[in-house]
Protein backbone atom coordinates (compact mmCIF):
# COMPACT_ATOMS: atom_id res chain seq x y z
CA UNK A 1 -59.42 -92.93 -198.42
CA UNK A 2 -60.98 -90.52 -196.16
CA UNK A 3 -62.68 -93.71 -194.61
CA UNK A 4 -59.34 -95.17 -194.10
CA UNK A 5 -57.73 -92.07 -192.40
CA UNK A 6 -60.75 -91.95 -189.97
CA UNK A 7 -60.21 -95.41 -188.85
CA UNK A 8 -56.83 -94.86 -188.24
CA UNK A 9 -57.44 -91.62 -186.09
CA UNK A 10 -59.96 -94.00 -184.10
CA UNK A 11 -57.25 -96.75 -183.45
CA UNK A 12 -54.96 -94.01 -182.20
CA UNK A 13 -57.54 -92.64 -180.10
CA UNK A 14 -58.25 -96.17 -178.39
CA UNK A 15 -54.85 -96.80 -178.30
CA UNK A 16 -53.88 -93.65 -176.13
CA UNK A 17 -56.80 -94.42 -173.81
CA UNK A 18 -55.90 -97.90 -173.45
CA UNK A 19 -52.57 -96.81 -172.43
CA UNK A 20 -53.94 -94.13 -169.96
CA UNK A 21 -55.93 -96.79 -168.29
CA UNK A 22 -53.05 -99.25 -168.42
CA UNK A 23 -50.78 -96.77 -166.53
CA UNK A 24 -53.70 -95.23 -164.29
CA UNK A 25 -53.23 -98.26 -161.34
CA UNK A 26 -49.51 -97.67 -161.33
CA UNK A 27 -50.20 -93.53 -160.61
CA UNK A 28 -52.78 -94.51 -157.80
CA UNK A 29 -50.17 -96.87 -155.81
CA UNK A 30 -48.71 -95.26 -152.68
CA UNK A 31 -45.45 -93.60 -152.80
CA UNK A 32 -42.83 -94.12 -150.18
CA UNK A 33 -43.84 -92.34 -147.00
CA UNK A 34 -47.26 -91.31 -148.34
CA UNK A 35 -49.88 -92.05 -145.93
CA UNK A 36 -47.46 -92.68 -143.09
CA UNK A 37 -50.18 -91.65 -140.46
CA UNK A 38 -52.86 -94.06 -142.18
CA UNK A 39 -50.50 -96.94 -142.65
CA UNK A 40 -49.21 -96.58 -138.83
CA UNK A 41 -52.39 -96.11 -137.35
CA UNK A 42 -54.02 -99.25 -139.16
CA UNK A 43 -50.91 -101.44 -138.48
CA UNK A 44 -51.32 -100.39 -134.66
CA UNK A 45 -55.00 -100.76 -134.55
CA UNK A 46 -54.79 -104.24 -136.28
CA UNK A 47 -52.15 -105.65 -133.84
CA UNK A 48 -54.78 -105.00 -130.91
CA UNK A 49 -57.48 -107.20 -132.77
CA UNK A 50 -57.84 -111.03 -131.90
CA UNK A 51 -58.04 -113.27 -134.71
CA UNK A 52 -61.66 -114.04 -134.06
CA UNK A 53 -62.47 -110.26 -134.30
CA UNK A 54 -60.73 -109.84 -137.38
CA UNK A 55 -63.26 -112.05 -139.08
CA UNK A 56 -66.14 -109.84 -138.18
CA UNK A 57 -66.54 -106.43 -139.46
CA UNK A 58 -69.00 -105.27 -137.21
CA UNK A 59 -66.45 -106.14 -134.34
CA UNK A 60 -63.89 -104.40 -136.38
CA UNK A 61 -65.68 -101.16 -136.42
CA UNK A 62 -66.73 -101.30 -132.75
CA UNK A 63 -63.09 -102.14 -131.71
CA UNK A 64 -62.00 -99.15 -134.21
CA UNK A 65 -64.21 -96.77 -132.35
CA UNK A 66 -62.87 -97.91 -129.01
CA UNK A 67 -59.31 -97.42 -130.34
CA UNK A 68 -60.37 -93.85 -131.66
CA UNK A 69 -61.32 -92.85 -127.81
CA UNK A 70 -57.78 -93.20 -126.89
CA UNK A 71 -56.08 -91.66 -130.12
CA UNK A 72 -54.48 -88.38 -129.80
CA UNK A 73 -52.80 -86.01 -132.13
CA UNK A 74 -52.62 -87.33 -135.89
CA UNK A 75 -54.29 -90.81 -135.16
CA UNK A 76 -57.24 -88.50 -133.70
CA UNK A 77 -57.86 -86.60 -137.12
CA UNK A 78 -57.30 -89.93 -138.78
CA UNK A 79 -59.96 -91.69 -136.70
CA UNK A 80 -62.15 -88.23 -137.59
CA UNK A 81 -61.74 -88.81 -141.25
CA UNK A 82 -62.72 -92.45 -141.31
CA UNK A 83 -65.84 -91.81 -138.84
CA UNK A 84 -64.34 -93.80 -135.62
CA UNK A 85 -65.40 -90.59 -133.26
CA UNK A 86 -68.51 -88.91 -132.41
CA UNK A 87 -68.20 -85.85 -134.13
CA UNK A 88 -67.10 -87.18 -137.36
CA UNK A 89 -68.85 -85.54 -140.27
CA UNK A 90 -68.88 -89.01 -142.39
CA UNK A 91 -68.34 -92.55 -142.01
CA UNK A 92 -66.39 -95.07 -144.22
CA UNK A 93 -65.70 -97.36 -141.39
CA UNK A 94 -66.80 -100.30 -143.83
CA UNK A 95 -63.71 -99.17 -145.92
CA UNK A 96 -61.54 -100.03 -143.44
CA UNK A 97 -63.32 -103.16 -141.59
CA UNK A 98 -63.85 -105.19 -144.76
CA UNK A 99 -60.20 -105.21 -146.01
CA UNK A 100 -59.11 -105.95 -142.79
CA UNK A 101 -61.41 -108.87 -142.64
CA UNK A 102 -59.69 -110.07 -145.68
CA UNK A 103 -56.47 -109.65 -144.22
CA UNK A 104 -55.24 -106.99 -146.65
CA UNK A 105 -51.99 -104.97 -145.83
CA UNK A 106 -52.37 -101.71 -144.66
CA UNK A 107 -50.51 -100.09 -147.42
CA UNK A 108 -53.52 -101.46 -149.67
CA UNK A 109 -56.12 -100.83 -147.29
CA UNK A 110 -54.96 -96.99 -146.99
CA UNK A 111 -54.74 -96.72 -151.01
CA UNK A 112 -58.44 -97.95 -151.08
CA UNK A 113 -59.07 -94.99 -148.48
CA UNK A 114 -57.11 -92.25 -150.29
CA UNK A 115 -59.49 -92.78 -153.23
CA UNK A 116 -62.47 -92.15 -150.87
CA UNK A 117 -61.09 -89.24 -148.98
CA UNK A 118 -57.63 -87.76 -150.00
CA UNK A 119 -56.96 -85.93 -146.90
CA UNK A 120 -56.67 -89.36 -145.35
CA UNK A 121 -53.10 -89.39 -146.94
CA UNK A 122 -52.27 -85.87 -146.28
CA UNK A 123 -51.74 -86.27 -142.70
CA UNK A 124 -48.13 -86.49 -141.72
CA UNK A 125 -46.20 -86.66 -138.79
CA UNK A 126 -44.30 -83.77 -137.25
CA UNK A 127 -40.82 -84.17 -137.99
CA UNK A 128 -38.49 -83.88 -135.15
CA UNK A 129 -35.61 -81.19 -135.30
CA UNK A 130 -32.32 -82.05 -133.55
CA UNK A 131 -31.49 -78.57 -132.54
CA UNK A 132 -28.00 -79.51 -131.35
CA UNK A 133 -26.96 -80.39 -135.15
CA UNK A 134 -29.51 -78.76 -137.61
CA UNK A 135 -28.51 -75.32 -139.71
CA UNK A 136 -31.33 -73.16 -138.65
CA UNK A 137 -30.73 -71.04 -141.86
CA UNK A 138 -31.90 -74.22 -143.75
CA UNK A 139 -35.14 -74.69 -142.30
CA UNK A 140 -38.26 -73.08 -143.29
CA UNK A 141 -40.08 -70.11 -141.41
CA UNK A 142 -42.82 -72.68 -140.40
CA UNK A 143 -40.28 -75.20 -138.87
CA UNK A 144 -38.69 -72.23 -137.04
CA UNK A 145 -42.15 -70.99 -135.82
CA UNK A 146 -43.13 -74.77 -134.51
CA UNK A 147 -39.89 -74.59 -132.46
CA UNK A 148 -40.64 -71.46 -130.63
CA UNK A 149 -44.26 -72.64 -130.11
CA UNK A 150 -43.06 -76.21 -128.81
CA UNK A 151 -41.19 -73.94 -126.09
CA UNK A 152 -44.21 -72.05 -125.43
CA UNK A 153 -42.29 -68.85 -126.42
CA UNK A 154 -43.13 -66.08 -129.07
CA UNK A 155 -41.16 -63.96 -131.30
CA UNK A 156 -42.76 -60.64 -130.98
CA UNK A 157 -41.92 -58.36 -133.90
CA UNK A 158 -40.57 -61.17 -135.93
CA UNK A 159 -40.90 -60.54 -139.66
CA UNK A 160 -37.84 -62.16 -141.52
CA UNK A 161 -36.67 -65.62 -141.26
CA UNK A 162 -33.31 -63.89 -139.68
CA UNK A 163 -35.64 -62.72 -137.01
CA UNK A 164 -36.75 -66.05 -135.90
CA UNK A 165 -33.37 -67.75 -135.99
CA UNK A 166 -31.93 -65.23 -133.79
CA UNK A 167 -34.80 -65.49 -131.09
CA UNK A 168 -34.24 -69.34 -131.16
CA UNK A 169 -30.42 -68.95 -130.48
CA UNK A 170 -31.26 -66.31 -127.78
CA UNK A 171 -33.84 -69.19 -126.06
CA UNK A 172 -31.59 -72.26 -127.28
CA UNK A 173 -29.54 -72.33 -123.93
CA UNK A 174 -32.79 -72.80 -122.22
CA UNK A 175 -34.12 -75.52 -124.02
CA UNK A 176 -31.62 -77.50 -125.61
CA UNK A 177 -29.53 -79.96 -123.33
CA UNK A 178 -25.77 -80.24 -124.56
CA UNK A 179 -23.94 -83.27 -123.44
CA UNK A 180 -20.28 -82.98 -122.63
């Protein structure tokens, strides 16, 4: 009887492990909007490649380094993570070039890159805020600070969210063009 109980316990454990392994790939897949910088950068890069270049991983890597020299902002940071710029600490260009040579979609390439370095999918584009329609009270303080930073303005002595909102309202006429 004790042997049967032991076997039932083992079967339950094996079933649980099997279920976890079955569901694991679903949790790794990208969610909507995740890895937006990676997906866009990979798609943009692949569009610049000739059909002949897409077949050669070495040429893909060389082309990517050239692509990275012209990259700015978030794409530049993406290049840094992959090893496409000279001052990169790591180099995982093979994880990009091989899937491109297989004509793998950008979303799948980014899934694979995320497994190697999660920072790659942490990159996000800054959202554009339409100051003519947005309710400043609903924005986060970090977004309010970004608005002021984009305007090269400061908010000396601002401690509360209302202080930042007041400062933006004071400067709004100077930076926001309203159409009649």
